[in-house]
Amino acid sequence: MTVVADEMAAVAATKTSFSDAGIAVRDLPENGHALSIADRAEGPIQFVSRWAGILAFCAAIGAIAYLIF
């Protein structure tokens, strides 16, 4: 019984939380300086990149439909 408990403890110790699983969160500067241009552009870039894949997929489907019909 203790072998199973030890293995489960090892797995629990190495398991990453959802906040650490591939999402990098950038903290705001503590000293109150203005955000850089990269920090300000991050939101719009993420929005565009989310929709770019969807639009490319729709364009590919439209081109295939145009060639078939």
N, C-alpha and C. Protein backbone atom coordinates (compact mmCIF):
# COMPACT_ATOMS: atom_id res chain seq x y z
N MET A 1 0.81 -1.19 0.00
CA MET A 1 0.00 0.00 0.00
C MET A 1 0.86 1.26 0.00
N THR A 2 1.99 1.22 0.66
CA THR A 2 2.82 2.42 0.72
C THR A 2 3.50 2.70 -0.61
N VAL A 3 3.71 1.66 -1.43
CA VAL A 3 4.33 1.88 -2.74
C VAL A 3 3.40 2.70 -3.62
N VAL A 4 2.11 2.38 -3.60
CA VAL A 4 1.14 3.13 -4.40
C VAL A 4 1.04 4.56 -3.90
N ALA A 5 1.04 4.76 -2.60
CA ALA A 5 0.97 6.11 -2.05
C ALA A 5 2.20 6.92 -2.42
N ASP A 6 3.37 6.29 -2.40
CA ASP A 6 4.60 6.99 -2.78
C ASP A 6 4.58 7.38 -4.25
N GLU A 7 4.07 6.49 -5.11
CA GLU A 7 4.00 6.80 -6.54
C GLU A 7 3.02 7.92 -6.79
N MET A 8 1.89 7.90 -6.11
CA MET A 8 0.90 8.97 -6.30
C MET A 8 1.44 10.30 -5.79
N ALA A 9 2.21 10.28 -4.74
CA ALA A 9 2.81 11.51 -4.22
C ALA A 9 3.82 12.07 -5.20
N ALA A 10 4.57 11.19 -5.85
CA ALA A 10 5.55 11.64 -6.84
C ALA A 10 4.87 12.26 -8.04
N VAL A 11 3.76 11.66 -8.48
CA VAL A 11 3.01 12.21 -9.62
C VAL A 11 2.41 13.55 -9.24
N ALA A 12 1.85 13.65 -8.05
CA ALA A 12 1.24 14.90 -7.61
C ALA A 12 2.28 16.01 -7.49
N ALA A 13 3.50 15.66 -7.11
CA ALA A 13 4.54 16.67 -6.95
C ALA A 13 5.03 17.19 -8.29
N THR A 14 5.01 16.36 -9.33
CA THR A 14 5.52 16.79 -10.63
C THR A 14 4.43 17.32 -11.55
N LYS A 15 3.18 17.20 -11.18
CA LYS A 15 2.08 17.66 -12.03
C LYS A 15 2.06 19.19 -12.06
N THR A 16 1.95 19.76 -13.27
CA THR A 16 1.90 21.21 -13.39
C THR A 16 0.46 21.67 -13.28
N SER A 17 0.29 22.85 -12.79
CA SER A 17 -1.05 23.41 -12.70
C SER A 17 -1.44 23.99 -14.05
N PHE A 18 -2.73 24.28 -14.20
CA PHE A 18 -3.20 24.83 -15.47
C PHE A 18 -2.62 26.21 -15.74
N SER A 19 -2.31 26.96 -14.71
CA SER A 19 -1.76 28.29 -14.92
C SER A 19 -0.33 28.22 -15.45
N ASP A 20 0.37 27.12 -15.23
CA ASP A 20 1.74 26.98 -15.70
C ASP A 20 1.84 26.19 -17.00
N ALA A 21 0.74 25.72 -17.54
CA ALA A 21 0.76 24.79 -18.67
C ALA A 21 0.72 25.52 -20.00
N GLY A 22 1.80 26.17 -20.38
CA GLY A 22 1.92 26.73 -21.71
C GLY A 22 1.39 28.13 -21.90
N ILE A 23 0.87 28.76 -20.89
CA ILE A 23 0.36 30.11 -21.04
C ILE A 23 1.29 31.05 -20.29
N ALA A 24 1.95 31.89 -21.03
CA ALA A 24 2.85 32.85 -20.40
C ALA A 24 2.05 34.11 -20.09
N VAL A 25 2.02 34.47 -18.86
CA VAL A 25 1.31 35.68 -18.43
C VAL A 25 2.34 36.73 -18.12
N ARG A 26 2.20 37.86 -18.76
CA ARG A 26 3.15 38.94 -18.56
C ARG A 26 2.61 39.89 -17.49
N ASP A 27 3.39 40.10 -16.46
CA ASP A 27 2.99 41.01 -15.39
C ASP A 27 3.25 42.45 -15.81
N LEU A 28 2.42 43.33 -15.29
CA LEU A 28 2.63 44.75 -15.55
C LEU A 28 3.83 45.22 -14.74
N PRO A 29 4.52 46.23 -15.24
CA PRO A 29 5.68 46.72 -14.49
C PRO A 29 5.25 47.24 -13.12
N GLU A 30 6.05 46.92 -12.11
CA GLU A 30 5.71 47.33 -10.76
C GLU A 30 6.03 48.80 -10.51
N ASN A 31 6.96 49.34 -11.27
CA ASN A 31 7.38 50.71 -11.00
C ASN A 31 6.48 51.75 -11.68
N GLY A 32 5.44 51.34 -12.38
CA GLY A 32 4.47 52.27 -12.92
C GLY A 32 4.84 52.90 -14.25
N HIS A 33 5.89 52.42 -14.92
CA HIS A 33 6.24 52.98 -16.22
C HIS A 33 5.20 52.59 -17.26
N ALA A 34 5.13 53.37 -18.30
CA ALA A 34 4.18 53.09 -19.38
C ALA A 34 4.56 51.79 -20.07
N LEU A 35 3.57 51.14 -20.64
CA LEU A 35 3.81 49.88 -21.34
C LEU A 35 4.54 50.14 -22.65
N SER A 36 5.37 49.20 -23.04
CA SER A 36 6.10 49.36 -24.30
C SER A 36 5.15 49.08 -25.47
N ILE A 37 5.63 49.35 -26.67
CA ILE A 37 4.80 49.15 -27.85
C ILE A 37 4.47 47.66 -28.03
N ALA A 38 5.38 46.78 -27.63
CA ALA A 38 5.11 45.35 -27.73
C ALA A 38 4.00 44.93 -26.77
N ASP A 39 3.99 45.50 -25.59
CA ASP A 39 2.93 45.18 -24.63
C ASP A 39 1.58 45.70 -25.09
N ARG A 40 1.57 46.89 -25.68
CA ARG A 40 0.30 47.45 -26.16
C ARG A 40 -0.21 46.73 -27.39
N ALA A 41 0.68 46.19 -28.21
CA ALA A 41 0.27 45.53 -29.44
C ALA A 41 -0.11 44.07 -29.23
N GLU A 42 0.14 43.54 -28.05
CA GLU A 42 -0.08 42.11 -27.82
C GLU A 42 -1.55 41.72 -27.98
N GLY A 43 -2.47 42.50 -27.47
CA GLY A 43 -3.90 42.19 -27.56
C GLY A 43 -4.40 42.16 -29.01
N PRO A 44 -4.17 43.21 -29.80
CA PRO A 44 -4.62 43.17 -31.19
C PRO A 44 -3.94 42.07 -32.02
N ILE A 45 -2.69 41.77 -31.74
CA ILE A 45 -2.00 40.70 -32.47
C ILE A 45 -2.63 39.36 -32.16
N GLN A 46 -2.98 39.12 -30.90
CA GLN A 46 -3.65 37.87 -30.54
C GLN A 46 -5.01 37.77 -31.21
N PHE A 47 -5.75 38.88 -31.28
CA PHE A 47 -7.06 38.88 -31.93
C PHE A 47 -6.94 38.54 -33.41
N VAL A 48 -6.00 39.17 -34.09
CA VAL A 48 -5.81 38.92 -35.52
C VAL A 48 -5.35 37.49 -35.77
N SER A 49 -4.46 36.99 -34.93
CA SER A 49 -3.95 35.64 -35.15
C SER A 49 -5.03 34.59 -34.91
N ARG A 50 -5.97 34.87 -34.02
CA ARG A 50 -7.08 33.93 -33.81
C ARG A 50 -7.95 33.83 -35.06
N TRP A 51 -8.23 34.95 -35.69
CA TRP A 51 -9.11 34.95 -36.85
C TRP A 51 -8.40 34.61 -38.15
N ALA A 52 -7.08 34.72 -38.20
CA ALA A 52 -6.34 34.45 -39.44
C ALA A 52 -6.48 33.00 -39.86
N GLY A 53 -6.41 32.09 -38.93
CA GLY A 53 -6.56 30.67 -39.26
C GLY A 53 -7.94 30.35 -39.77
N ILE A 54 -8.96 30.93 -39.15
CA ILE A 54 -10.34 30.70 -39.58
C ILE A 54 -10.56 31.26 -40.98
N LEU A 55 -10.05 32.45 -41.24
CA LEU A 55 -10.22 33.06 -42.56
C LEU A 55 -9.45 32.28 -43.63
N ALA A 56 -8.26 31.79 -43.31
CA ALA A 56 -7.50 30.99 -44.27
C ALA A 56 -8.24 29.69 -44.59
N PHE A 57 -8.82 29.07 -43.57
CA PHE A 57 -9.59 27.84 -43.79
C PHE A 57 -10.80 28.11 -44.69
N CYS A 58 -11.53 29.18 -44.42
CA CYS A 58 -12.70 29.52 -45.24
C CYS A 58 -12.28 29.85 -46.67
N ALA A 59 -11.16 30.52 -46.84
CA ALA A 59 -10.67 30.83 -48.18
C ALA A 59 -10.29 29.57 -48.93
N ALA A 60 -9.67 28.61 -48.24
CA ALA A 60 -9.31 27.35 -48.89
C ALA A 60 -10.55 26.57 -49.30
N ILE A 61 -11.55 26.51 -48.43
CA ILE A 61 -12.81 25.82 -48.76
C ILE A 61 -13.50 26.52 -49.93
N GLY A 62 -13.48 27.84 -49.93
CA GLY A 62 -14.09 28.59 -51.03
C GLY A 62 -13.37 28.34 -52.35
N ALA A 63 -12.05 28.28 -52.32
CA ALA A 63 -11.29 28.02 -53.54
C ALA A 63 -11.55 26.61 -54.06
N ILE A 64 -11.62 25.65 -53.16
CA ILE A 64 -11.93 24.28 -53.58
C ILE A 64 -13.33 24.20 -54.16
N ALA A 65 -14.29 24.86 -53.53
CA ALA A 65 -15.65 24.86 -54.04
C ALA A 65 -15.73 25.54 -55.41
N TYR A 66 -14.96 26.60 -55.59
CA TYR A 66 -14.94 27.30 -56.88
C TYR A 66 -14.39 26.39 -57.98
N LEU A 67 -13.35 25.64 -57.66
CA LEU A 67 -12.76 24.76 -58.65
C LEU A 67 -13.66 23.56 -58.97
N ILE A 68 -14.38 23.06 -57.99
CA ILE A 68 -15.25 21.91 -58.21
C ILE A 68 -16.52 22.31 -58.95
N PHE A 69 -17.14 23.39 -58.54
CA PHE A 69 -18.42 23.78 -59.14
C PHE A 69 -18.16 24.81 -60.18
